[in-house]
Amino acid sequence: MNSSFWRVPTLTVLATLLAVAGSVQGTEAGNWQGFVSLTPVYQGNADLDRGGDFSVGGAILRGGVAKDLGGGNRAGVTLTYDYLGYSFSNSGAFGRVEPWGIVQRYGVSAPLSFEVGDGWSVGVVPSVDWFKENGADTGDSLTWGATLSGSRRFEGGNRLGFGVGVFDGIEKTSVFPFLVVDWRFGDRWRLINPLPSGPTGPAGLELDYRFDGGWTAGVGVAYRVLRFRLNETGPTRNGVGEESGVPVFVRVTRNFTDQMALHLYGGVVAGGKLRVENSSGHKLSEEDFDPAPLVGATFVGRF
């Protein structure tokens, strides 16, 4: 089995934050509300330590429904689809061949949250995902698990929480902690987790400032890992590919209405690594890459 260490946490922490922090807005008890987000993203050329370079372009799609059950309780379903196209040039660390090409991910999760008294909420998010290069075996690309979190709401709507995720899949079992943060400093400053559906993923912190006229801006740092099954006819048959790094970014947001917003991103991915493992999850090669420019735009709509 194997474990997708970034994209699964991305979806599940996304859903946890939506459920526990109540970021799906505007629902009334008993009514379902839909949401959708689309993020085109491009990570520019980055030099590899042992020669060559690579870049990545693609899109991240999220959609689903959420329902207020009353009494501070929520339930929902979130679907996800990611498309990432990798392009390599003379990659010395991988025998001057492309270690992988087009990678796709499909997933579904079911976020649930419950108020348990004295300002505390508990959230649980089971999920199933398939993350693989084109031509990889779907059955060998499965990752499944759940996150469990608890958070407390303080005066002024501020919230702090802690959670843990456990996932099994792609030749690895992962157990990881995470924070839930939504804390305001006055009327304009706010410390939060990054936008879950954005190009950085939510595993980090972001400091935001709210301007007049529906504009906000933020600066943040996150950590992400993408782990996926390689195809059955490539240079590492049925192996495992992984990209990890630390996105450092600036975000500018225009809120058109309470239900519609556009987020623009620019930054770099620092501390990046590419890794190839065999079909049993044992390392075959690993390569550092230089800071890579990152740009993206996320449109979010609720209906």
C-alpha atoms as a PDB file:
ATOM      1  CA  MET A   1       0.000   0.000   0.000  1.00  0.00           C
ATOM      2  CA  ASN A   2       0.998   3.677  -0.195  1.00  0.00           C
ATOM      3  CA  SER A   3       0.268   7.096   1.172  1.00  0.00           C
ATOM      4  CA  SER A   4      -0.184  10.395  -0.656  1.00  0.00           C
ATOM      5  CA  PHE A   5       1.296  12.779   1.856  1.00  0.00           C
ATOM      6  CA  TRP A   6       0.367  16.156   0.415  1.00  0.00           C
ATOM      7  CA  ARG A   7      -2.768  15.826  -1.644  1.00  0.00           C
ATOM      8  CA  VAL A   8      -4.644  13.738   0.865  1.00  0.00           C
ATOM      9  CA  PRO A   9      -3.820  16.140   3.720  1.00  0.00           C
ATOM     10  CA  THR A  10      -4.718  18.972   1.370  1.00  0.00           C
ATOM     11  CA  LEU A  11      -8.227  17.670   0.803  1.00  0.00           C
ATOM     12  CA  THR A  12      -8.827  16.392   4.301  1.00  0.00           C
ATOM     13  CA  VAL A  13      -7.476  19.422   6.124  1.00  0.00           C
ATOM     14  CA  LEU A  14      -9.489  21.496   3.633  1.00  0.00           C
ATOM     15  CA  ALA A  15     -12.612  19.642   4.623  1.00  0.00           C
ATOM     16  CA  THR A  16     -11.741  19.804   8.320  1.00  0.00           C
ATOM     17  CA  LEU A  17     -11.289  23.547   8.137  1.00  0.00           C
ATOM     18  CA  LEU A  18     -14.543  23.951   6.255  1.00  0.00           C
ATOM     19  CA  ALA A  19     -16.391  21.827   8.768  1.00  0.00           C
ATOM     20  CA  VAL A  20     -14.770  22.873  12.028  1.00  0.00           C
ATOM     21  CA  ALA A  21     -14.117  26.533  11.272  1.00  0.00           C
ATOM     22  CA  GLY A  22     -17.440  26.948   9.464  1.00  0.00           C
ATOM     23  CA  SER A  23     -15.949  28.539   6.373  1.00  0.00           C
ATOM     24  CA  VAL A  24     -18.840  27.402   4.182  1.00  0.00           C
ATOM     25  CA  GLN A  25     -20.955  30.476   4.792  1.00  0.00           C
ATOM     26  CA  GLY A  26     -24.525  31.466   4.267  1.00  0.00           C
ATOM     27  CA  THR A  27     -26.263  28.187   5.039  1.00  0.00           C
ATOM     28  CA  GLU A  28     -29.514  27.988   6.941  1.00  0.00           C
ATOM     29  CA  ALA A  29     -30.398  25.001   9.107  1.00  0.00           C
ATOM     30  CA  GLY A  30     -31.873  22.243   6.961  1.00  0.00           C
ATOM     31  CA  ASN A  31     -30.616  23.632   3.624  1.00  0.00           C
ATOM     32  CA  TRP A  32     -27.787  22.318   1.462  1.00  0.00           C
ATOM     33  CA  GLN A  33     -25.302  24.768  -0.023  1.00  0.00           C
ATOM     34  CA  GLY A  34     -23.053  23.969  -2.956  1.00  0.00           C
ATOM     35  CA  PHE A  35     -19.516  25.222  -3.454  1.00  0.00           C
ATOM     36  CA  VAL A  36     -16.959  24.985  -6.230  1.00  0.00           C
ATOM     37  CA  SER A  37     -13.417  26.229  -6.768  1.00  0.00           C
ATOM     38  CA  LEU A  38     -11.091  26.160  -9.779  1.00  0.00           C
ATOM     39  CA  THR A  39      -7.354  26.859  -9.559  1.00  0.00           C
ATOM     40  CA  PRO A  40      -5.106  27.018 -12.628  1.00  0.00           C
ATOM     41  CA  VAL A  41      -1.515  26.799 -11.339  1.00  0.00           C
ATOM     42  CA  TYR A  42       1.977  27.006 -12.824  1.00  0.00           C
ATOM     43  CA  GLN A  43       5.281  26.192 -11.153  1.00  0.00           C
ATOM     44  CA  GLY A  44       8.059  27.564 -13.347  1.00  0.00           C
ATOM     45  CA  ASN A  45      11.402  26.070 -14.359  1.00  0.00           C
ATOM     46  CA  ALA A  46      13.605  24.967 -11.475  1.00  0.00           C
ATOM     47  CA  ASP A  47      17.161  23.697 -11.885  1.00  0.00           C
ATOM     48  CA  LEU A  48      17.935  20.228 -10.560  1.00  0.00           C
ATOM     49  CA  ASP A  49      21.148  19.753  -8.569  1.00  0.00           C
ATOM     50  CA  ARG A  50      22.607  17.135 -10.895  1.00  0.00           C
ATOM     51  CA  GLY A  51      21.623  18.835 -14.115  1.00  0.00           C
ATOM     52  CA  GLY A  52      18.505  19.645 -16.060  1.00  0.00           C
ATOM     53  CA  ASP A  53      15.323  21.320 -14.926  1.00  0.00           C
ATOM     54  CA  PHE A  54      11.579  20.785 -14.701  1.00  0.00           C
ATOM     55  CA  SER A  55       8.288  22.691 -14.534  1.00  0.00           C
ATOM     56  CA  VAL A  56       4.676  21.863 -13.676  1.00  0.00           C
ATOM     57  CA  GLY A  57       1.368  23.229 -14.923  1.00  0.00           C
ATOM     58  CA  GLY A  58      -2.180  22.176 -14.284  1.00  0.00           C
ATOM     59  CA  ALA A  59      -5.446  22.770 -12.499  1.00  0.00           C
ATOM     60  CA  ILE A  60      -7.055  21.940  -9.143  1.00  0.00           C
ATOM     61  CA  LEU A  61     -10.832  21.492  -8.946  1.00  0.00           C
ATOM     62  CA  ARG A  62     -12.949  21.201  -5.795  1.00  0.00           C
ATOM     63  CA  GLY A  63     -16.716  20.956  -5.443  1.00  0.00           C
ATOM     64  CA  GLY A  64     -19.417  19.649  -3.168  1.00  0.00           C
ATOM     65  CA  VAL A  65     -22.232  20.409  -0.796  1.00  0.00           C
ATOM     66  CA  ALA A  66     -22.511  21.225   2.911  1.00  0.00           C
ATOM     67  CA  LYS A  67     -25.492  21.276   5.252  1.00  0.00           C
ATOM     68  CA  ASP A  68     -26.101  23.017   8.560  1.00  0.00           C
ATOM     69  CA  LEU A  69     -27.773  20.418  10.767  1.00  0.00           C
ATOM     70  CA  GLY A  70     -28.570  22.963  13.481  1.00  0.00           C
ATOM     71  CA  GLY A  71     -27.010  23.412  16.886  1.00  0.00           C
ATOM     72  CA  GLY A  72     -23.593  24.079  15.366  1.00  0.00           C
ATOM     73  CA  ASN A  73     -23.448  20.679  13.656  1.00  0.00           C
ATOM     74  CA  ARG A  74     -22.491  20.267   9.976  1.00  0.00           C
ATOM     75  CA  ALA A  75     -22.200  17.586   7.330  1.00  0.00           C
ATOM     76  CA  GLY A  76     -21.006  17.613   3.757  1.00  0.00           C
ATOM     77  CA  VAL A  77     -19.437  15.868   0.791  1.00  0.00           C
ATOM     78  CA  THR A  78     -16.373  17.193  -1.079  1.00  0.00           C
ATOM     79  CA  LEU A  79     -15.166  15.945  -4.470  1.00  0.00           C
ATOM     80  CA  THR A  80     -11.725  16.718  -5.849  1.00  0.00           C
ATOM     81  CA  TYR A  81      -9.866  16.452  -9.142  1.00  0.00           C
ATOM     82  CA  ASP A  82      -6.264  17.509  -9.815  1.00  0.00           C
ATOM     83  CA  TYR A  83      -4.413  17.552 -13.137  1.00  0.00           C
ATOM     84  CA  LEU A  84      -0.653  18.180 -13.117  1.00  0.00           C
ATOM     85  CA  GLY A  85       1.554  18.043 -16.194  1.00  0.00           C
ATOM     86  CA  TYR A  86       5.297  17.700 -15.480  1.00  0.00           C
ATOM     87  CA  SER A  87       7.948  18.625 -18.044  1.00  0.00           C
ATOM     88  CA  PHE A  88      11.597  17.547 -17.530  1.00  0.00           C
ATOM     89  CA  SER A  89      14.704  18.536 -19.484  1.00  0.00           C
ATOM     90  CA  ASN A  90      17.992  16.557 -19.255  1.00  0.00           C
ATOM     91  CA  SER A  91      17.349  15.427 -15.668  1.00  0.00           C
ATOM     92  CA  GLY A  92      20.715  13.939 -14.725  1.00  0.00           C
ATOM     93  CA  ALA A  93      19.487  12.467 -11.461  1.00  0.00           C
ATOM     94  CA  PHE A  94      16.961  10.297 -13.323  1.00  0.00           C
ATOM     95  CA  GLY A  95      19.134   8.976 -16.128  1.00  0.00           C
ATOM     96  CA  ARG A  96      18.233  11.899 -18.415  1.00  0.00           C
ATOM     97  CA  VAL A  97      14.728  10.520 -18.910  1.00  0.00           C
ATOM     98  CA  GLU A  98      11.476  11.936 -17.617  1.00  0.00           C
ATOM     99  CA  PRO A  99      10.717  10.113 -14.339  1.00  0.00           C
ATOM    100  CA  TRP A 100       7.002  10.867 -14.796  1.00  0.00           C
ATOM    101  CA  GLY A 101       4.661  12.964 -16.930  1.00  0.00           C
ATOM    102  CA  ILE A 102       0.960  13.695 -16.423  1.00  0.00           C
ATOM    103  CA  VAL A 103      -0.354  13.020 -12.907  1.00  0.00           C
ATOM    104  CA  GLN A 104      -4.028  13.039 -11.901  1.00  0.00           C
ATOM    105  CA  ARG A 105      -5.890  12.712  -8.643  1.00  0.00           C
ATOM    106  CA  TYR A 106      -9.539  11.864  -7.871  1.00  0.00           C
ATOM    107  CA  GLY A 107     -11.004  11.906  -4.394  1.00  0.00           C
ATOM    108  CA  VAL A 108     -14.055  12.150  -2.168  1.00  0.00           C
ATOM    109  CA  SER A 109     -14.409  13.044   1.502  1.00  0.00           C
ATOM    110  CA  ALA A 110     -17.300  13.451   3.955  1.00  0.00           C
ATOM    111  CA  PRO A 111     -16.607  16.212   6.513  1.00  0.00           C
ATOM    112  CA  LEU A 112     -18.619  16.089   9.722  1.00  0.00           C
ATOM    113  CA  SER A 113     -18.445  18.461  12.693  1.00  0.00           C
ATOM    114  CA  PHE A 114     -20.279  18.614  15.997  1.00  0.00           C
ATOM    115  CA  GLU A 115     -20.572  21.190  18.777  1.00  0.00           C
ATOM    116  CA  VAL A 116     -19.828  19.539  22.115  1.00  0.00           C
ATOM    117  CA  GLY A 117     -20.338  22.487  24.476  1.00  0.00           C
ATOM    118  CA  ASP A 118     -18.406  25.372  25.996  1.00  0.00           C
ATOM    119  CA  GLY A 119     -17.312  26.603  22.568  1.00  0.00           C
ATOM    120  CA  TRP A 120     -15.701  23.304  21.532  1.00  0.00           C
ATOM    121  CA  SER A 121     -16.223  21.548  18.203  1.00  0.00           C
ATOM    122  CA  VAL A 122     -15.086  18.110  17.058  1.00  0.00           C
ATOM    123  CA  GLY A 123     -14.570  17.259  13.395  1.00  0.00           C
ATOM    124  CA  VAL A 124     -13.995  13.974  11.581  1.00  0.00           C
ATOM    125  CA  VAL A 125     -13.278  13.679   7.860  1.00  0.00           C
ATOM    126  CA  PRO A 126     -13.024  10.218   6.270  1.00  0.00           C
ATOM    127  CA  SER A 127     -11.723  10.241   2.703  1.00  0.00           C
ATOM    128  CA  VAL A 128     -10.672   8.065  -0.231  1.00  0.00           C
ATOM    129  CA  ASP A 129      -8.294   9.203  -3.005  1.00  0.00           C
ATOM    130  CA  TRP A 130      -6.588   7.855  -6.106  1.00  0.00           C
ATOM    131  CA  PHE A 131      -3.380   9.697  -7.096  1.00  0.00           C
ATOM    132  CA  LYS A 132      -1.464   8.369 -10.093  1.00  0.00           C
ATOM    133  CA  GLU A 133       0.484   9.011 -13.254  1.00  0.00           C
ATOM    134  CA  ASN A 134      -1.380   8.264 -16.467  1.00  0.00           C
ATOM    135  CA  GLY A 135      -1.038   4.549 -17.161  1.00  0.00           C
ATOM    136  CA  ALA A 136      -0.615   3.543 -13.511  1.00  0.00           C
ATOM    137  CA  ASP A 137      -2.773   0.850 -11.946  1.00  0.00           C
ATOM    138  CA  THR A 138      -5.782   2.413 -10.240  1.00  0.00           C
ATOM    139  CA  GLY A 139      -5.951  -0.231  -7.520  1.00  0.00           C
ATOM    140  CA  ASP A 140      -2.334   0.460  -6.547  1.00  0.00           C
ATOM    141  CA  SER A 141      -3.008   4.222  -6.353  1.00  0.00           C
ATOM    142  CA  LEU A 142      -5.536   4.173  -3.511  1.00  0.00           C
ATOM    143  CA  THR A 143      -5.094   6.163  -0.314  1.00  0.00           C
ATOM    144  CA  TRP A 144      -7.691   6.096   2.455  1.00  0.00           C
ATOM    145  CA  GLY A 145      -7.968   7.365   6.004  1.00  0.00           C
ATOM    146  CA  ALA A 146      -9.377  10.199   8.092  1.00  0.00           C
ATOM    147  CA  THR A 147      -8.587  13.284  10.121  1.00  0.00           C
ATOM    148  CA  LEU A 148      -9.883  13.973  13.619  1.00  0.00           C
ATOM    149  CA  SER A 149      -9.750  17.475  15.097  1.00  0.00           C
ATOM    150  CA  GLY A 150     -10.944  19.564  18.007  1.00  0.00           C
ATOM    151  CA  SER A 151     -11.140  23.353  18.170  1.00  0.00           C
ATOM    152  CA  ARG A 152     -12.431  25.994  20.558  1.00  0.00           C
ATOM    153  CA  ARG A 153     -14.132  29.264  19.713  1.00  0.00           C
ATOM    154  CA  PHE A 154     -13.078  32.240  21.818  1.00  0.00           C
ATOM    155  CA  GLU A 155     -14.445  35.739  22.285  1.00  0.00           C
ATOM    156  CA  GLY A 156     -14.785  37.688  19.056  1.00  0.00           C
ATOM    157  CA  GLY A 157     -15.127  34.555  16.926  1.00  0.00           C
ATOM    158  CA  ASN A 158     -11.460  33.574  17.215  1.00  0.00           C
ATOM    159  CA  ARG A 159     -10.732  29.867  16.964  1.00  0.00           C
ATOM    160  CA  LEU A 160      -7.784  27.593  17.752  1.00  0.00           C
ATOM    161  CA  GLY A 161      -7.604  23.858  17.341  1.00  0.00           C
ATOM    162  CA  PHE A 162      -5.473  20.799  16.833  1.00  0.00           C
ATOM    163  CA  GLY A 163      -5.934  17.626  14.860  1.00  0.00           C
ATOM    164  CA  VAL A 164      -4.307  14.457  13.601  1.00  0.00           C
ATOM    165  CA  GLY A 165      -4.601  12.608  10.319  1.00  0.00           C
ATOM    166  CA  VAL A 166      -3.968   8.931   9.642  1.00  0.00           C
ATOM    167  CA  PHE A 167      -3.772   7.650   6.045  1.00  0.00           C
ATOM    168  CA  ASP A 168      -2.733   4.393   4.439  1.00  0.00           C
ATOM    169  CA  GLY A 169      -1.707   3.964   0.822  1.00  0.00           C
ATOM    170  CA  ILE A 170       1.029   4.080  -1.872  1.00  0.00           C
ATOM    171  CA  GLU A 171       3.591   2.043   0.085  1.00  0.00           C
ATOM    172  CA  LYS A 172       3.397   4.242   3.173  1.00  0.00           C
ATOM    173  CA  THR A 173       1.250   4.910   6.230  1.00  0.00           C
ATOM    174  CA  SER A 174       1.268   8.553   7.356  1.00  0.00           C
ATOM    175  CA  VAL A 175       0.352  10.029  10.728  1.00  0.00           C
ATOM    176  CA  PHE A 176       0.578  13.822  10.903  1.00  0.00           C
ATOM    177  CA  PRO A 177      -0.585  16.600  13.233  1.00  0.00           C
ATOM    178  CA  PHE A 178      -2.031  19.932  12.081  1.00  0.00           C
ATOM    179  CA  LEU A 179      -3.292  23.202  13.529  1.00  0.00           C
ATOM    180  CA  VAL A 180      -6.619  24.943  12.949  1.00  0.00           C
ATOM    181  CA  VAL A 181      -6.109  28.719  13.280  1.00  0.00           C
ATOM    182  CA  ASP A 182      -8.490  31.647  12.756  1.00  0.00           C
ATOM    183  CA  TRP A 183      -7.443  34.576  14.948  1.00  0.00           C
ATOM    184  CA  ARG A 184      -8.193  38.270  14.453  1.00  0.00           C
ATOM    185  CA  PHE A 185      -5.976  41.129  15.601  1.00  0.00           C
ATOM    186  CA  GLY A 186      -8.283  44.127  15.519  1.00  0.00           C
ATOM    187  CA  ASP A 187     -10.653  44.879  12.656  1.00  0.00           C
ATOM    188  CA  ARG A 188      -8.251  44.268   9.750  1.00  0.00           C
ATOM    189  CA  TRP A 189      -5.504  41.779  10.670  1.00  0.00           C
ATOM    190  CA  ARG A 190      -6.140  38.036  10.765  1.00  0.00           C
ATOM    191  CA  LEU A 191      -3.974  34.909  11.167  1.00  0.00           C
ATOM    192  CA  ILE A 192      -5.427  31.875   9.382  1.00  0.00           C
ATOM    193  CA  ASN A 193      -4.541  28.666   7.603  1.00  0.00           C
ATOM    194  CA  PRO A 194      -3.969  29.188   3.854  1.00  0.00           C
ATOM    195  CA  LEU A 195      -6.908  28.742   1.505  1.00  0.00           C
ATOM    196  CA  PRO A 196      -7.404  24.966   1.288  1.00  0.00           C
ATOM    197  CA  SER A 197      -8.319  24.921  -2.404  1.00  0.00           C
ATOM    198  CA  GLY A 198      -5.444  27.218  -3.454  1.00  0.00           C
ATOM    199  CA  PRO A 199      -2.150  26.181  -5.060  1.00  0.00           C
ATOM    200  CA  THR A 200      -0.241  26.011  -1.750  1.00  0.00           C
ATOM    201  CA  GLY A 201      -2.537  23.729   0.235  1.00  0.00           C
ATOM    202  CA  PRO A 202      -3.719  24.560   3.774  1.00  0.00           C
ATOM    203  CA  ALA A 203      -0.813  23.122   5.803  1.00  0.00           C
ATOM    204  CA  GLY A 204       0.706  26.406   6.995  1.00  0.00           C
ATOM    205  CA  LEU A 205      -0.012  29.913   8.255  1.00  0.00           C
ATOM    206  CA  GLU A 206      -1.038  33.125   6.540  1.00  0.00           C
ATOM    207  CA  LEU A 207      -1.255  36.687   7.878  1.00  0.00           C
ATOM    208  CA  ASP A 208      -3.986  38.707   6.150  1.00  0.00           C
ATOM    209  CA  TYR A 209      -4.906  42.387   5.998  1.00  0.00           C
ATOM    210  CA  ARG A 210      -8.391  43.527   4.967  1.00  0.00           C
ATOM    211  CA  PHE A 211      -8.661  46.674   2.852  1.00  0.00           C
ATOM    212  CA  ASP A 212     -11.821  48.611   2.093  1.00  0.00           C
ATOM    213  CA  GLY A 213     -13.858  47.774  -0.995  1.00  0.00           C
ATOM    214  CA  GLY A 214     -13.737  43.980  -0.772  1.00  0.00           C
ATOM    215  CA  TRP A 215      -9.956  43.613  -1.106  1.00  0.00           C
ATOM    216  CA  THR A 216      -7.650  41.580   1.138  1.00  0.00           C
ATOM    217  CA  ALA A 217      -3.974  40.651   0.916  1.00  0.00           C
ATOM    218  CA  GLY A 218      -1.896  38.100   2.744  1.00  0.00           C
ATOM    219  CA  VAL A 219       1.572  36.625   3.071  1.00  0.00           C
ATOM    220  CA  GLY A 220       2.132  33.053   4.138  1.00  0.00           C
ATOM    221  CA  VAL A 221       4.149  29.872   4.178  1.00  0.00           C
ATOM    222  CA  ALA A 222       2.960  26.284   3.745  1.00  0.00           C
ATOM    223  CA  TYR A 223       4.297  22.759   3.365  1.00  0.00           C
ATOM    224  CA  ARG A 224       3.132  20.349   0.718  1.00  0.00           C
ATOM    225  CA  VAL A 225       3.991  16.860  -0.501  1.00  0.00           C
ATOM    226  CA  LEU A 226       2.599  15.177  -3.612  1.00  0.00           C
ATOM    227  CA  ARG A 227       2.934  11.387  -3.660  1.00  0.00           C
ATOM    228  CA  PHE A 228       1.610   9.255  -6.495  1.00  0.00           C
ATOM    229  CA  ARG A 229       1.848   5.889  -8.229  1.00  0.00           C
ATOM    230  CA  LEU A 230       3.974   5.735 -11.395  1.00  0.00           C
ATOM    231  CA  ASN A 231       2.792   4.026 -14.548  1.00  0.00           C
ATOM    232  CA  GLU A 232       3.357   0.409 -15.471  1.00  0.00           C
ATOM    233  CA  THR A 233       5.488   1.015 -18.572  1.00  0.00           C
ATOM    234  CA  GLY A 234       7.700   3.950 -17.549  1.00  0.00           C
ATOM    235  CA  PRO A 235      11.322   3.982 -16.374  1.00  0.00           C
ATOM    236  CA  THR A 236      10.237   2.904 -12.844  1.00  0.00           C
ATOM    237  CA  ARG A 237       7.426   0.451 -13.442  1.00  0.00           C
ATOM    238  CA  ASN A 238       4.664   0.682 -10.846  1.00  0.00           C
ATOM    239  CA  GLY A 239       6.991   2.791  -8.670  1.00  0.00           C
ATOM    240  CA  VAL A 240       6.265   5.875  -6.586  1.00  0.00           C
ATOM    241  CA  GLY A 241       6.943   9.523  -7.409  1.00  0.00           C
ATOM    242  CA  GLU A 242       7.047  12.331  -4.894  1.00  0.00           C
ATOM    243  CA  GLU A 243       7.510  16.100  -4.941  1.00  0.00           C
ATOM    244  CA  SER A 244       7.874  18.082  -1.718  1.00  0.00           C
ATOM    245  CA  GLY A 245       8.554  21.742  -0.935  1.00  0.00           C
ATOM    246  CA  VAL A 246       7.730  24.846   1.073  1.00  0.00           C
ATOM    247  CA  PRO A 247       5.610  27.429  -0.804  1.00  0.00           C
ATOM    248  CA  VAL A 248       6.271  31.002   0.364  1.00  0.00           C
ATOM    249  CA  PHE A 249       3.620  33.239  -1.160  1.00  0.00           C
ATOM    250  CA  VAL A 250       1.682  36.478  -1.406  1.00  0.00           C
ATOM    251  CA  ARG A 251      -2.065  36.384  -2.018  1.00  0.00           C
ATOM    252  CA  VAL A 252      -4.368  39.193  -3.199  1.00  0.00           C
ATOM    253  CA  THR A 253      -8.128  38.599  -3.035  1.00  0.00           C
ATOM    254  CA  ARG A 254     -11.116  40.401  -4.498  1.00  0.00           C
ATOM    255  CA  ASN A 255     -14.406  39.474  -2.795  1.00  0.00           C
ATOM    256  CA  PHE A 256     -17.117  40.290  -5.309  1.00  0.00           C
ATOM    257  CA  THR A 257     -19.949  39.133  -3.024  1.00  0.00           C
ATOM    258  CA  ASP A 258     -20.277  36.970   0.076  1.00  0.00           C
ATOM    259  CA  GLN A 259     -20.603  34.011  -2.301  1.00  0.00           C
ATOM    260  CA  MET A 260     -17.913  34.750  -4.896  1.00  0.00           C
ATOM    261  CA  ALA A 261     -14.192  35.580  -4.700  1.00  0.00           C
ATOM    262  CA  LEU A 262     -11.028  35.537  -6.805  1.00  0.00           C
ATOM    263  CA  HIS A 263      -7.641  34.848  -5.181  1.00  0.00           C
ATOM    264  CA  LEU A 264      -4.378  35.649  -7.014  1.00  0.00           C
ATOM    265  CA  TYR A 265      -1.107  34.025  -5.922  1.00  0.00           C
ATOM    266  CA  GLY A 266       2.584  34.627  -6.495  1.00  0.00           C
ATOM    267  CA  GLY A 267       5.582  33.158  -4.729  1.00  0.00           C
ATOM    268  CA  VAL A 268       8.299  30.517  -4.762  1.00  0.00           C
ATOM    269  CA  VAL A 269       8.582  26.879  -3.750  1.00  0.00           C
ATOM    270  CA  ALA A 270      11.702  26.582  -1.568  1.00  0.00           C
ATOM    271  CA  GLY A 271      13.457  23.531  -0.157  1.00  0.00           C
ATOM    272  CA  GLY A 272      12.121  21.381  -2.973  1.00  0.00           C
ATOM    273  CA  LYS A 273      12.872  17.695  -3.543  1.00  0.00           C
ATOM    274  CA  LEU A 274      11.923  15.101  -6.135  1.00  0.00           C
ATOM    275  CA  ARG A 275      12.021  11.428  -5.167  1.00  0.00           C
ATOM    276  CA  VAL A 276      11.567   8.143  -6.998  1.00  0.00           C
ATOM    277  CA  GLU A 277      10.877   4.855  -5.195  1.00  0.00           C
ATOM    278  CA  ASN A 278      10.436   1.328  -6.478  1.00  0.00           C
ATOM    279  CA  SER A 279       7.121  -0.524  -6.343  1.00  0.00           C
ATOM    280  CA  SER A 280       7.763  -1.479  -2.709  1.00  0.00           C
ATOM    281  CA  GLY A 281       8.433   2.093  -1.565  1.00  0.00           C
ATOM    282  CA  HIS A 282      12.241   1.890  -1.326  1.00  0.00           C
ATOM    283  CA  LYS A 283      14.178   4.973  -2.466  1.00  0.00           C
ATOM    284  CA  LEU A 284      15.906   4.743  -5.825  1.00  0.00           C
ATOM    285  CA  SER A 285      16.890   8.396  -6.309  1.00  0.00           C
ATOM    286  CA  GLU A 286      16.305  11.813  -4.804  1.00  0.00           C
ATOM    287  CA  GLU A 287      17.109  15.249  -6.187  1.00  0.00           C
ATOM    288  CA  ASP A 288      16.972  18.755  -4.710  1.00  0.00           C
ATOM    289  CA  PHE A 289      15.716  21.582  -6.900  1.00  0.00           C
ATOM    290  CA  ASP A 290      16.308  25.331  -6.775  1.00  0.00           C
ATOM    291  CA  PRO A 291      13.540  27.737  -5.671  1.00  0.00           C
ATOM    292  CA  ALA A 292      10.781  27.553  -8.277  1.00  0.00           C
ATOM    293  CA  PRO A 293       8.423  30.436  -9.143  1.00  0.00           C
ATOM    294  CA  LEU A 294       4.778  29.694  -8.353  1.00  0.00           C
ATOM    295  CA  VAL A 295       1.724  31.521  -9.733  1.00  0.00           C
ATOM    296  CA  GLY A 296      -1.938  30.648  -9.550  1.00  0.00           C
ATOM    297  CA  ALA A 297      -5.476  31.968  -9.365  1.00  0.00           C
ATOM    298  CA  THR A 298      -8.380  30.457  -7.416  1.00  0.00           C
ATOM    299  CA  PHE A 299     -11.994  31.250  -8.175  1.00  0.00           C
ATOM    300  CA  VAL A 300     -14.389  30.267  -5.379  1.00  0.00           C
ATOM    301  CA  GLY A 301     -18.178  30.288  -5.696  1.00  0.00           C
ATOM    302  CA  ARG A 302     -20.980  29.224  -3.364  1.00  0.00           C
ATOM    303  CA  PHE A 303     -24.571  28.729  -4.421  1.00  0.00           C
END
